[in-house]
Amino acid sequence: MRSTKMTGDAGFASRSVSRHLLRGGLGFGLLIGAVALVPTAGPASLLLAPLGLVALRGCPTCWAIGLVQTISMGRLQRSCVDGRCTLTDGTGGDLRRTAADRTGASAG
């Protein structure tokens, strides 16, 4: 019997939601500034765009995925035993529902 707990890295997640939002504000601000400053600072302002992408850890979609990961971090865990994976909440409760649970029927 082989048991594996899926705890790999968090992908694009940050340590806290506030830190992630701060990174997002910095990244989006730099991207907007890069485009908005072109009329006054010329094409040199586009050098801000790569810095914005670094702050976002890639594209804006990567940042949004990271926000969802940061919010759900520690709340859901997936564990696999013998090729069968289950999703549990942070307290260890199994989140699988039976047909009876879905229909509201009692088992007793």
C-alpha atoms as a PDB file:
ATOM      1  CA  MET A   1       0.000   0.000   0.000  1.00  0.00           C
ATOM      2  CA  ARG A   2       1.560   3.266  -1.096  1.00  0.00           C
ATOM      3  CA  SER A   3       0.440   6.589   0.382  1.00  0.00           C
ATOM      4  CA  THR A   4       1.443   9.947  -1.019  1.00  0.00           C
ATOM      5  CA  LYS A   5       0.516  13.314   0.395  1.00  0.00           C
ATOM      6  CA  MET A   6       0.367  15.976  -2.314  1.00  0.00           C
ATOM      7  CA  THR A   7       2.095  18.939  -0.689  1.00  0.00           C
ATOM      8  CA  GLY A   8       4.300  20.260  -3.521  1.00  0.00           C
ATOM      9  CA  ASP A   9       5.060  23.931  -3.837  1.00  0.00           C
ATOM     10  CA  ALA A  10       2.198  26.389  -3.941  1.00  0.00           C
ATOM     11  CA  GLY A  11       2.833  27.458  -7.533  1.00  0.00           C
ATOM     12  CA  PHE A  12       2.080  31.168  -7.696  1.00  0.00           C
ATOM     13  CA  ALA A  13       0.816  31.589  -4.117  1.00  0.00           C
ATOM     14  CA  SER A  14       2.292  34.058  -1.624  1.00  0.00           C
ATOM     15  CA  ARG A  15       2.736  33.692   2.126  1.00  0.00           C
ATOM     16  CA  SER A  16      -0.278  35.927   2.857  1.00  0.00           C
ATOM     17  CA  VAL A  17      -3.160  37.550   1.009  1.00  0.00           C
ATOM     18  CA  SER A  18      -1.964  41.049   1.940  1.00  0.00           C
ATOM     19  CA  ARG A  19       1.509  40.309   0.539  1.00  0.00           C
ATOM     20  CA  HIS A  20      -0.049  38.959  -2.649  1.00  0.00           C
ATOM     21  CA  LEU A  21      -2.254  42.036  -3.049  1.00  0.00           C
ATOM     22  CA  LEU A  22       0.757  44.298  -2.475  1.00  0.00           C
ATOM     23  CA  ARG A  23       2.684  42.444  -5.169  1.00  0.00           C
ATOM     24  CA  GLY A  24      -0.306  42.765  -7.493  1.00  0.00           C
ATOM     25  CA  GLY A  25      -0.592  46.504  -6.896  1.00  0.00           C
ATOM     26  CA  LEU A  26       3.101  46.963  -7.620  1.00  0.00           C
ATOM     27  CA  GLY A  27       3.004  44.757 -10.725  1.00  0.00           C
ATOM     28  CA  PHE A  28      -0.128  46.275 -12.242  1.00  0.00           C
ATOM     29  CA  GLY A  29       1.094  49.780 -11.371  1.00  0.00           C
ATOM     30  CA  LEU A  30       4.351  49.181 -13.199  1.00  0.00           C
ATOM     31  CA  LEU A  31       2.555  47.740 -16.239  1.00  0.00           C
ATOM     32  CA  ILE A  32       0.105  50.644 -16.396  1.00  0.00           C
ATOM     33  CA  GLY A  33       2.906  53.140 -15.818  1.00  0.00           C
ATOM     34  CA  ALA A  34       4.964  51.602 -18.623  1.00  0.00           C
ATOM     35  CA  VAL A  35       2.185  52.269 -21.112  1.00  0.00           C
ATOM     36  CA  ALA A  36       0.931  55.559 -19.664  1.00  0.00           C
ATOM     37  CA  LEU A  37       4.378  57.181 -19.612  1.00  0.00           C
ATOM     38  CA  VAL A  38       5.162  56.482 -23.279  1.00  0.00           C
ATOM     39  CA  PRO A  39       3.872  59.925 -24.451  1.00  0.00           C
ATOM     40  CA  THR A  40       6.006  61.800 -21.905  1.00  0.00           C
ATOM     41  CA  ALA A  41       9.049  59.570 -21.307  1.00  0.00           C
ATOM     42  CA  GLY A  42       9.181  57.879 -24.694  1.00  0.00           C
ATOM     43  CA  PRO A  43       9.837  54.212 -25.390  1.00  0.00           C
ATOM     44  CA  ALA A  44      12.273  54.042 -22.468  1.00  0.00           C
ATOM     45  CA  SER A  45       9.262  53.869 -20.128  1.00  0.00           C
ATOM     46  CA  LEU A  46       8.517  50.416 -21.549  1.00  0.00           C
ATOM     47  CA  LEU A  47      11.467  49.171 -19.497  1.00  0.00           C
ATOM     48  CA  LEU A  48       9.053  49.200 -16.540  1.00  0.00           C
ATOM     49  CA  ALA A  49       6.955  46.417 -18.107  1.00  0.00           C
ATOM     50  CA  PRO A  50       9.394  43.548 -17.377  1.00  0.00           C
ATOM     51  CA  LEU A  51       9.628  44.703 -13.761  1.00  0.00           C
ATOM     52  CA  GLY A  52       5.839  44.577 -13.540  1.00  0.00           C
ATOM     53  CA  LEU A  53       5.811  41.058 -14.923  1.00  0.00           C
ATOM     54  CA  VAL A  54       8.415  39.969 -12.381  1.00  0.00           C
ATOM     55  CA  ALA A  55       6.277  41.423  -9.569  1.00  0.00           C
ATOM     56  CA  LEU A  56       3.256  39.506 -10.907  1.00  0.00           C
ATOM     57  CA  ARG A  57       5.347  36.313 -11.292  1.00  0.00           C
ATOM     58  CA  GLY A  58       4.452  36.155 -14.957  1.00  0.00           C
ATOM     59  CA  CYS A  59       1.310  37.399 -16.598  1.00  0.00           C
ATOM     60  CA  PRO A  60      -1.741  38.933 -14.881  1.00  0.00           C
ATOM     61  CA  THR A  61      -3.463  35.544 -15.144  1.00  0.00           C
ATOM     62  CA  CYS A  62      -0.599  33.970 -13.175  1.00  0.00           C
ATOM     63  CA  TRP A  63      -1.158  36.574 -10.482  1.00  0.00           C
ATOM     64  CA  ALA A  64      -4.897  35.810 -10.358  1.00  0.00           C
ATOM     65  CA  ILE A  65      -4.212  32.061 -10.077  1.00  0.00           C
ATOM     66  CA  GLY A  66      -1.776  32.820  -7.267  1.00  0.00           C
ATOM     67  CA  LEU A  67      -4.437  34.854  -5.461  1.00  0.00           C
ATOM     68  CA  VAL A  68      -6.834  31.899  -5.524  1.00  0.00           C
ATOM     69  CA  GLN A  69      -4.029  29.577  -4.344  1.00  0.00           C
ATOM     70  CA  THR A  70      -3.085  31.982  -1.548  1.00  0.00           C
ATOM     71  CA  ILE A  71      -6.676  32.241  -0.328  1.00  0.00           C
ATOM     72  CA  SER A  72      -7.238  28.472  -0.353  1.00  0.00           C
ATOM     73  CA  MET A  73      -3.800  27.579   1.066  1.00  0.00           C
ATOM     74  CA  GLY A  74      -4.162  25.309   4.081  1.00  0.00           C
ATOM     75  CA  ARG A  75      -7.890  24.852   3.612  1.00  0.00           C
ATOM     76  CA  LEU A  76      -7.845  21.954   1.161  1.00  0.00           C
ATOM     77  CA  GLN A  77      -5.488  18.995   1.008  1.00  0.00           C
ATOM     78  CA  ARG A  78      -5.314  16.203  -1.533  1.00  0.00           C
ATOM     79  CA  SER A  79      -3.891  12.833  -0.535  1.00  0.00           C
ATOM     80  CA  CYS A  80      -3.511   9.727  -2.657  1.00  0.00           C
ATOM     81  CA  VAL A  81      -3.446   6.091  -1.515  1.00  0.00           C
ATOM     82  CA  ASP A  82      -2.948   3.302  -4.055  1.00  0.00           C
ATOM     83  CA  GLY A  83      -3.764   5.612  -6.947  1.00  0.00           C
ATOM     84  CA  ARG A  84      -7.031   6.818  -5.381  1.00  0.00           C
ATOM     85  CA  CYS A  85      -7.015  10.481  -4.385  1.00  0.00           C
ATOM     86  CA  THR A  86      -9.294  12.207  -1.879  1.00  0.00           C
ATOM     87  CA  LEU A  87      -9.813  15.861  -1.083  1.00  0.00           C
ATOM     88  CA  THR A  88      -9.991  16.790   2.595  1.00  0.00           C
ATOM     89  CA  ASP A  89     -10.473  20.037   4.429  1.00  0.00           C
ATOM     90  CA  GLY A  90      -7.835  21.455   6.773  1.00  0.00           C
ATOM     91  CA  THR A  91      -9.274  19.510   9.726  1.00  0.00           C
ATOM     92  CA  GLY A  92      -8.880  16.148   7.997  1.00  0.00           C
ATOM     93  CA  GLY A  93     -12.580  15.689   7.197  1.00  0.00           C
ATOM     94  CA  ASP A  94     -13.295  13.916   3.921  1.00  0.00           C
ATOM     95  CA  LEU A  95     -15.097  16.143   1.416  1.00  0.00           C
ATOM     96  CA  ARG A  96     -16.505  13.281  -0.675  1.00  0.00           C
ATOM     97  CA  ARG A  97     -20.270  13.110  -0.659  1.00  0.00           C
ATOM     98  CA  THR A  98     -22.345  10.009  -1.127  1.00  0.00           C
ATOM     99  CA  ALA A  99     -25.479   9.808  -3.251  1.00  0.00           C
ATOM    100  CA  ALA A 100     -27.538   9.838  -0.047  1.00  0.00           C
ATOM    101  CA  ASP A 101     -25.849  13.079   1.051  1.00  0.00           C
ATOM    102  CA  ARG A 102     -26.674  14.732  -2.260  1.00  0.00           C
ATOM    103  CA  THR A 103     -30.345  13.720  -2.175  1.00  0.00           C
ATOM    104  CA  GLY A 104     -30.800  14.501   1.504  1.00  0.00           C
ATOM    105  CA  ALA A 105     -31.789  10.922   2.412  1.00  0.00           C
ATOM    106  CA  SER A 106     -30.690   9.620   5.798  1.00  0.00           C
ATOM    107  CA  ALA A 107     -28.792   6.370   6.160  1.00  0.00           C
ATOM    108  CA  GLY A 108     -30.500   5.140   9.207  1.00  0.00           C
END
